[in-house]
Amino acid sequence: MTPQLSWYLALSAVMFTIGVAGVILKRNAISMFMCIELMLNSVNLTFVAFSSFFNNLNGQLFVFIVMAVAAAEAAVGLGIIIALFRNRESLDVDDANLLKL
């Protein structure tokens, strides 16, 4: 018995919903960062599921592109988080008003 496409899509929707809820509700920069990564992984799961369902490799190619963007986002995001912590000694995003004029 193979899993149906709807199971993968339901799991992806649940993962994406958890990620969105985490970004909206959390105030810690690291937690928000992890929730954004969870949303990207749920999109990757959707791409792979559709790629497998339609017997097409385009979805898997998009996964590599999303993974490259996620790696770049992780490098830049963690650099910003470290700089924020060094300046404010807090990871609370409400305290991050460094970019205001």
C-alpha atoms as a PDB file:
ATOM      1  CA  MET A   1       0.000   0.000   0.000  1.00  0.00           C
ATOM      2  CA  THR A   2       1.536   3.275  -1.088  1.00  0.00           C
ATOM      3  CA  PRO A   3       0.669   6.588   0.516  1.00  0.00           C
ATOM      4  CA  GLN A   4      -1.684   8.770  -1.478  1.00  0.00           C
ATOM      5  CA  LEU A   5      -0.867  12.261  -2.675  1.00  0.00           C
ATOM      6  CA  SER A   6      -3.465  13.739  -0.332  1.00  0.00           C
ATOM      7  CA  TRP A   7      -1.576  12.385   2.692  1.00  0.00           C
ATOM      8  CA  TYR A   8       1.578  14.218   1.673  1.00  0.00           C
ATOM      9  CA  LEU A   9      -0.359  17.388   0.961  1.00  0.00           C
ATOM     10  CA  ALA A  10      -2.156  17.181   4.311  1.00  0.00           C
ATOM     11  CA  LEU A  11       1.145  16.716   6.141  1.00  0.00           C
ATOM     12  CA  SER A  12       2.629  19.622   4.216  1.00  0.00           C
ATOM     13  CA  ALA A  13      -0.368  21.825   5.063  1.00  0.00           C
ATOM     14  CA  VAL A  14      -0.068  20.956   8.761  1.00  0.00           C
ATOM     15  CA  MET A  15       3.661  21.711   8.731  1.00  0.00           C
ATOM     16  CA  PHE A  16       3.108  25.019   6.953  1.00  0.00           C
ATOM     17  CA  THR A  17       0.333  25.981   9.380  1.00  0.00           C
ATOM     18  CA  ILE A  18       2.568  25.221  12.363  1.00  0.00           C
ATOM     19  CA  GLY A  19       5.297  27.347  10.786  1.00  0.00           C
ATOM     20  CA  VAL A  20       2.977  30.294  10.152  1.00  0.00           C
ATOM     21  CA  ALA A  21       1.562  30.075  13.667  1.00  0.00           C
ATOM     22  CA  GLY A  22       5.089  29.991  15.068  1.00  0.00           C
ATOM     23  CA  VAL A  23       6.161  33.072  13.124  1.00  0.00           C
ATOM     24  CA  ILE A  24       3.065  34.972  14.204  1.00  0.00           C
ATOM     25  CA  LEU A  25       3.054  33.915  17.866  1.00  0.00           C
ATOM     26  CA  LYS A  26       6.745  33.621  18.784  1.00  0.00           C
ATOM     27  CA  ARG A  27       8.801  36.635  19.793  1.00  0.00           C
ATOM     28  CA  ASN A  28      12.187  34.887  19.883  1.00  0.00           C
ATOM     29  CA  ALA A  29      14.264  35.383  16.724  1.00  0.00           C
ATOM     30  CA  ILE A  30      15.653  31.827  16.767  1.00  0.00           C
ATOM     31  CA  SER A  31      12.158  30.329  17.111  1.00  0.00           C
ATOM     32  CA  MET A  32      10.867  32.461  14.265  1.00  0.00           C
ATOM     33  CA  PHE A  33      13.857  31.439  12.162  1.00  0.00           C
ATOM     34  CA  MET A  34      13.132  27.743  12.801  1.00  0.00           C
ATOM     35  CA  CYS A  35       9.467  28.225  11.885  1.00  0.00           C
ATOM     36  CA  ILE A  36      10.461  29.827   8.569  1.00  0.00           C
ATOM     37  CA  GLU A  37      12.678  26.812   7.870  1.00  0.00           C
ATOM     38  CA  LEU A  38       9.727  24.544   8.695  1.00  0.00           C
ATOM     39  CA  MET A  39       7.595  26.393   6.146  1.00  0.00           C
ATOM     40  CA  LEU A  40      10.297  25.992   3.503  1.00  0.00           C
ATOM     41  CA  ASN A  41      10.517  22.265   4.238  1.00  0.00           C
ATOM     42  CA  SER A  42       6.756  21.882   3.912  1.00  0.00           C
ATOM     43  CA  VAL A  43       6.934  23.492   0.474  1.00  0.00           C
ATOM     44  CA  ASN A  44       9.746  21.089  -0.419  1.00  0.00           C
ATOM     45  CA  LEU A  45       7.553  18.168   0.610  1.00  0.00           C
ATOM     46  CA  THR A  46       4.792  19.445  -1.660  1.00  0.00           C
ATOM     47  CA  PHE A  47       7.199  19.807  -4.582  1.00  0.00           C
ATOM     48  CA  VAL A  48       8.500  16.261  -4.135  1.00  0.00           C
ATOM     49  CA  ALA A  49       4.998  14.826  -3.728  1.00  0.00           C
ATOM     50  CA  PHE A  50       3.750  16.427  -6.938  1.00  0.00           C
ATOM     51  CA  SER A  51       6.950  15.456  -8.725  1.00  0.00           C
ATOM     52  CA  SER A  52       6.442  11.837  -7.741  1.00  0.00           C
ATOM     53  CA  PHE A  53       2.734  11.894  -8.566  1.00  0.00           C
ATOM     54  CA  PHE A  54       3.213  13.315 -12.064  1.00  0.00           C
ATOM     55  CA  ASN A  55       6.448  11.348 -12.764  1.00  0.00           C
ATOM     56  CA  ASN A  56       8.251  14.582 -13.538  1.00  0.00           C
ATOM     57  CA  LEU A  57      11.598  15.746 -12.159  1.00  0.00           C
ATOM     58  CA  ASN A  58      10.824  19.473 -12.232  1.00  0.00           C
ATOM     59  CA  GLY A  59       9.566  19.459  -8.643  1.00  0.00           C
ATOM     60  CA  GLN A  60      12.780  17.900  -7.403  1.00  0.00           C
ATOM     61  CA  LEU A  61      14.751  20.527  -9.288  1.00  0.00           C
ATOM     62  CA  PHE A  62      12.779  23.241  -7.498  1.00  0.00           C
ATOM     63  CA  VAL A  63      13.608  21.542  -4.192  1.00  0.00           C
ATOM     64  CA  PHE A  64      17.310  22.040  -4.864  1.00  0.00           C
ATOM     65  CA  ILE A  65      16.678  25.714  -5.619  1.00  0.00           C
ATOM     66  CA  VAL A  66      14.651  26.141  -2.414  1.00  0.00           C
ATOM     67  CA  MET A  67      17.385  24.369  -0.437  1.00  0.00           C
ATOM     68  CA  ALA A  68      20.007  26.740  -1.862  1.00  0.00           C
ATOM     69  CA  VAL A  69      17.876  29.743  -0.919  1.00  0.00           C
ATOM     70  CA  ALA A  70      17.319  28.278   2.557  1.00  0.00           C
ATOM     71  CA  ALA A  71      21.070  27.804   3.036  1.00  0.00           C
ATOM     72  CA  ALA A  72      21.734  31.406   2.020  1.00  0.00           C
ATOM     73  CA  GLU A  73      18.922  32.566   4.283  1.00  0.00           C
ATOM     74  CA  ALA A  74      20.381  30.558   7.164  1.00  0.00           C
ATOM     75  CA  ALA A  75      23.812  32.116   6.736  1.00  0.00           C
ATOM     76  CA  VAL A  76      22.530  35.687   6.497  1.00  0.00           C
ATOM     77  CA  GLY A  77      19.806  35.201   9.111  1.00  0.00           C
ATOM     78  CA  LEU A  78      22.119  33.726  11.713  1.00  0.00           C
ATOM     79  CA  GLY A  79      24.602  36.531  11.093  1.00  0.00           C
ATOM     80  CA  ILE A  80      21.883  39.095  11.715  1.00  0.00           C
ATOM     81  CA  ILE A  81      20.711  37.240  14.822  1.00  0.00           C
ATOM     82  CA  ILE A  82      24.265  37.141  16.227  1.00  0.00           C
ATOM     83  CA  ALA A  83      24.735  40.855  15.539  1.00  0.00           C
ATOM     84  CA  LEU A  84      21.388  41.584  17.192  1.00  0.00           C
ATOM     85  CA  PHE A  85      22.327  39.567  20.261  1.00  0.00           C
ATOM     86  CA  ARG A  86      25.707  41.280  20.538  1.00  0.00           C
ATOM     87  CA  ASN A  87      24.139  44.738  20.399  1.00  0.00           C
ATOM     88  CA  ARG A  88      20.982  44.188  22.465  1.00  0.00           C
ATOM     89  CA  GLU A  89      21.847  41.041  24.481  1.00  0.00           C
ATOM     90  CA  SER A  90      18.345  39.813  23.741  1.00  0.00           C
ATOM     91  CA  LEU A  91      16.758  37.782  20.981  1.00  0.00           C
ATOM     92  CA  ASP A  92      13.314  39.296  21.462  1.00  0.00           C
ATOM     93  CA  VAL A  93      12.205  40.792  18.140  1.00  0.00           C
ATOM     94  CA  ASP A  94      10.311  43.549  19.916  1.00  0.00           C
ATOM     95  CA  ASP A  95      13.675  44.865  21.166  1.00  0.00           C
ATOM     96  CA  ALA A  96      15.134  44.868  17.647  1.00  0.00           C
ATOM     97  CA  ASN A  97      14.615  48.477  16.665  1.00  0.00           C
ATOM     98  CA  LEU A  98      18.090  48.992  15.209  1.00  0.00           C
ATOM     99  CA  LEU A  99      16.783  49.688  11.708  1.00  0.00           C
ATOM    100  CA  LYS A 100      14.478  52.537  12.703  1.00  0.00           C
ATOM    101  CA  LEU A 101      15.403  56.046  11.639  1.00  0.00           C
END
